[in-house]
C-alpha atoms as a PDB file:
ATOM      1  CA  MET A   1      31.040  22.243  -2.071  1.00  0.00           C
ATOM      2  CA  ALA A   2      28.536  24.883  -0.917  1.00  0.00           C
ATOM      3  CA  ALA A   3      29.104  26.908  -4.102  1.00  0.00           C
ATOM      4  CA  TRP A   4      28.447  23.840  -6.237  1.00  0.00           C
ATOM      5  CA  SER A   5      25.291  23.010  -4.291  1.00  0.00           C
ATOM      6  CA  SER A   6      23.807  26.489  -4.669  1.00  0.00           C
ATOM      7  CA  SER A   7      24.798  26.533  -8.344  1.00  0.00           C
ATOM      8  CA  ALA A   8      23.135  23.162  -8.903  1.00  0.00           C
ATOM      9  CA  ALA A   9      20.018  24.340  -7.088  1.00  0.00           C
ATOM     10  CA  ALA A  10      19.858  27.479  -9.222  1.00  0.00           C
ATOM     11  CA  GLY A  11      20.252  25.381 -12.355  1.00  0.00           C
ATOM     12  CA  SER A  12      17.520  23.073 -11.170  1.00  0.00           C
ATOM     13  CA  LEU A  13      15.119  25.975 -10.681  1.00  0.00           C
ATOM     14  CA  SER A  14      15.841  27.486 -14.065  1.00  0.00           C
ATOM     15  CA  ALA A  15      15.705  24.127 -15.854  1.00  0.00           C
ATOM     16  CA  THR A  16      12.306  23.112 -14.534  1.00  0.00           C
ATOM     17  CA  PRO A  17       9.745  24.192 -17.077  1.00  0.00           C
ATOM     18  CA  PRO A  18       6.520  25.811 -16.018  1.00  0.00           C
ATOM     19  CA  PRO A  19       3.401  23.863 -16.833  1.00  0.00           C
ATOM     20  CA  PRO A  20       1.946  24.997 -20.144  1.00  0.00           C
ATOM     21  CA  ALA A  21      -0.671  27.756 -19.942  1.00  0.00           C
ATOM     22  CA  GLY A  22      -4.045  26.252 -19.178  1.00  0.00           C
ATOM     23  CA  CYS A  23      -2.285  22.968 -18.634  1.00  0.00           C
ATOM     24  CA  ALA A  24      -4.331  19.977 -18.036  1.00  0.00           C
ATOM     25  CA  SER A  25      -2.014  17.048 -17.720  1.00  0.00           C
ATOM     26  CA  PRO A  26      -2.818  13.932 -19.578  1.00  0.00           C
ATOM     27  CA  SER A  27      -6.499  13.230 -19.138  1.00  0.00           C
ATOM     28  CA  SER A  28      -7.339  16.540 -17.494  1.00  0.00           C
ATOM     29  CA  SER A  29      -5.385  16.524 -14.249  1.00  0.00           C
ATOM     30  CA  PRO A  30      -4.867  20.235 -13.623  1.00  0.00           C
ATOM     31  CA  ALA A  31      -1.348  21.484 -13.025  1.00  0.00           C
ATOM     32  CA  ALA A  32      -0.852  22.456  -9.396  1.00  0.00           C
ATOM     33  CA  THR A  33       2.661  23.828  -9.930  1.00  0.00           C
ATOM     34  CA  PRO A  34       3.161  27.586  -9.555  1.00  0.00           C
ATOM     35  CA  ARG A  35       3.979  29.292 -12.850  1.00  0.00           C
ATOM     36  CA  VAL A  36       6.569  31.639 -11.272  1.00  0.00           C
ATOM     37  CA  PRO A  37      10.020  29.938 -11.295  1.00  0.00           C
ATOM     38  CA  GLY A  38      10.996  31.120  -7.798  1.00  0.00           C
ATOM     39  CA  GLU A  39       7.821  29.603  -6.351  1.00  0.00           C
ATOM     40  CA  ARG A  40       7.907  26.163  -7.952  1.00  0.00           C
ATOM     41  CA  GLY A  41      11.289  24.655  -7.114  1.00  0.00           C
ATOM     42  CA  SER A  42      12.459  21.777  -9.278  1.00  0.00           C
ATOM     43  CA  GLN A  43       9.226  19.845  -9.478  1.00  0.00           C
ATOM     44  CA  VAL A  44       5.953  19.701 -11.358  1.00  0.00           C
ATOM     45  CA  SER A  45       2.756  18.748  -9.572  1.00  0.00           C
ATOM     46  CA  PHE A  46      -0.695  17.761 -10.731  1.00  0.00           C
ATOM     47  CA  ALA A  47      -3.908  17.640  -8.738  1.00  0.00           C
ATOM     48  CA  HIS A  48      -6.346  14.813  -9.220  1.00  0.00           C
ATOM     49  CA  ALA A  49      -9.441  14.742  -7.029  1.00  0.00           C
ATOM     50  CA  THR A  50      -9.745  10.961  -6.811  1.00  0.00           C
ATOM     51  CA  GLY A  51      -7.305   8.093  -7.010  1.00  0.00           C
ATOM     52  CA  GLY A  52      -4.063  10.066  -6.767  1.00  0.00           C
ATOM     53  CA  TYR A  53      -2.345   7.465  -4.616  1.00  0.00           C
ATOM     54  CA  ALA A  54      -3.327   4.623  -6.956  1.00  0.00           C
ATOM     55  CA  MET A  55      -2.265   6.666  -9.994  1.00  0.00           C
ATOM     56  CA  MET A  56       1.181   7.226  -8.521  1.00  0.00           C
ATOM     57  CA  GLN A  57       1.550   3.526  -7.706  1.00  0.00           C
ATOM     58  CA  ALA A  58       0.591   2.628 -11.298  1.00  0.00           C
ATOM     59  CA  LEU A  59       3.173   5.115 -12.590  1.00  0.00           C
ATOM     60  CA  ILE A  60       5.851   3.688 -10.304  1.00  0.00           C
ATOM     61  CA  ALA A  61       5.020   0.219 -11.668  1.00  0.00           C
ATOM     62  CA  ARG A  62       5.729   1.645 -15.154  1.00  0.00           C
ATOM     63  CA  GLY A  63       9.083   3.104 -14.048  1.00  0.00           C
ATOM     64  CA  VAL A  64       7.958   6.711 -13.474  1.00  0.00           C
ATOM     65  CA  ILE A  65       9.095   7.722 -10.001  1.00  0.00           C
ATOM     66  CA  GLY A  66       7.196  10.474  -8.235  1.00  0.00           C
ATOM     67  CA  ASP A  67       5.419  10.910  -4.961  1.00  0.00           C
ATOM     68  CA  PHE A  68       1.888  11.402  -3.753  1.00  0.00           C
ATOM     69  CA  ARG A  69       0.991  14.192  -1.336  1.00  0.00           C
ATOM     70  CA  ALA A  70      -2.402  13.901   0.315  1.00  0.00           C
ATOM     71  CA  PRO A  71      -5.035  14.778  -0.389  1.00  0.00           C
ATOM     72  CA  ASP A  72      -4.658  14.991  -4.190  1.00  0.00           C
ATOM     73  CA  ILE A  73      -1.159  15.918  -5.438  1.00  0.00           C
ATOM     74  CA  LEU A  74       1.032  13.826  -7.755  1.00  0.00           C
ATOM     75  CA  ARG A  75       4.527  15.337  -7.661  1.00  0.00           C
ATOM     76  CA  PHE A  76       7.427  14.771 -10.046  1.00  0.00           C
ATOM     77  CA  GLY A  77      10.958  16.067  -9.445  1.00  0.00           C
ATOM     78  CA  PHE A  78      13.496  17.075 -12.064  1.00  0.00           C
ATOM     79  CA  THR A  79      17.229  16.711 -11.603  1.00  0.00           C
ATOM     80  CA  PRO A  80      18.912  18.625 -14.428  1.00  0.00           C
ATOM     81  CA  LEU A  81      22.198  16.767 -14.022  1.00  0.00           C
ATOM     82  CA  TYR A  82      20.725  13.615 -15.529  1.00  0.00           C
ATOM     83  CA  THR A  83      17.067  14.090 -16.522  1.00  0.00           C
ATOM     84  CA  ARG A  84      16.836  14.218 -20.305  1.00  0.00           C
ATOM     85  CA  PHE A  85      14.021  15.596 -22.439  1.00  0.00           C
ATOM     86  CA  VAL A  86      13.188  12.062 -23.574  1.00  0.00           C
ATOM     87  CA  ASP A  87      12.822  10.982 -19.924  1.00  0.00           C
ATOM     88  CA  VAL A  88      10.192  13.684 -19.382  1.00  0.00           C
ATOM     89  CA  TRP A  89       8.487  12.820 -22.676  1.00  0.00           C
ATOM     90  CA  ASP A  90       8.307   9.128 -21.739  1.00  0.00           C
ATOM     91  CA  ALA A  91       6.975   9.928 -18.256  1.00  0.00           C
ATOM     92  CA  VAL A  92       4.184  12.098 -19.689  1.00  0.00           C
ATOM     93  CA  ASP A  93       3.321   9.382 -22.197  1.00  0.00           C
ATOM     94  CA  ARG A  94       3.121   6.780 -19.424  1.00  0.00           C
ATOM     95  CA  PHE A  95       1.078   9.155 -17.250  1.00  0.00           C
ATOM     96  CA  ASP A  96      -1.399   9.580 -20.084  1.00  0.00           C
ATOM     97  CA  ARG A  97      -1.612   5.830 -20.713  1.00  0.00           C
ATOM     98  CA  VAL A  98      -2.201   5.057 -17.027  1.00  0.00           C
ATOM     99  CA  LEU A  99      -5.022   7.604 -16.830  1.00  0.00           C
ATOM    100  CA  VAL A 100      -6.706   6.959 -20.171  1.00  0.00           C
ATOM    101  CA  SER A 101      -6.620   3.166 -19.815  1.00  0.00           C
ATOM    102  CA  GLY A 102      -7.891   3.281 -16.234  1.00  0.00           C
ATOM    103  CA  GLU A 103      -5.001   1.007 -15.238  1.00  0.00           C
ATOM    104  CA  TRP A 104      -4.672   2.938 -11.973  1.00  0.00           C
ATOM    105  CA  GLN A 105      -8.074   1.554 -10.915  1.00  0.00           C
ATOM    106  CA  GLU A 106      -6.675  -1.957 -10.530  1.00  0.00           C
ATOM    107  CA  PRO A 107      -7.027  -2.943  -6.839  1.00  0.00           C
ATOM    108  CA  ARG A 108      -3.285  -3.628  -6.435  1.00  0.00           C
ATOM    109  CA  PHE A 109      -2.509   0.083  -6.879  1.00  0.00           C
ATOM    110  CA  SER A 110      -4.784   1.124  -3.996  1.00  0.00           C
ATOM    111  CA  VAL A 111      -2.932  -0.922  -1.372  1.00  0.00           C
ATOM    112  CA  ARG A 112      -1.281   1.650   0.898  1.00  0.00           C
ATOM    113  CA  ALA A 113       2.412   1.285   1.624  1.00  0.00           C
ATOM    114  CA  GLY A 114       4.299   2.932   4.479  1.00  0.00           C
ATOM    115  CA  VAL A 115       6.113   5.231   2.034  1.00  0.00           C
ATOM    116  CA  THR A 116       4.668   6.683  -1.164  1.00  0.00           C
END
């Protein structure tokens, strides 16, 4: 089991793409993920100075599961065993729609829960 776990972890690291050079996520949220594979793990993070918590709640309402790390990080994990390219594509599309439309500014998304 330990060999499988370390193999899966290595696959996860190699399968997680770096953010594109000069990446601004949808609507100019700068990538906060390290570009070096050994430093980034199996996640991609974006920094957004205001409203990060509400943005993540709006994304969760649209079926995109991530987490918010105070003060300004929206973090998305990738599991290579079942995350498909289309899943990532759809998540980015939803992220863009939430930001561009301003949907995240709806008061319901700012209500703090015990777990983000």
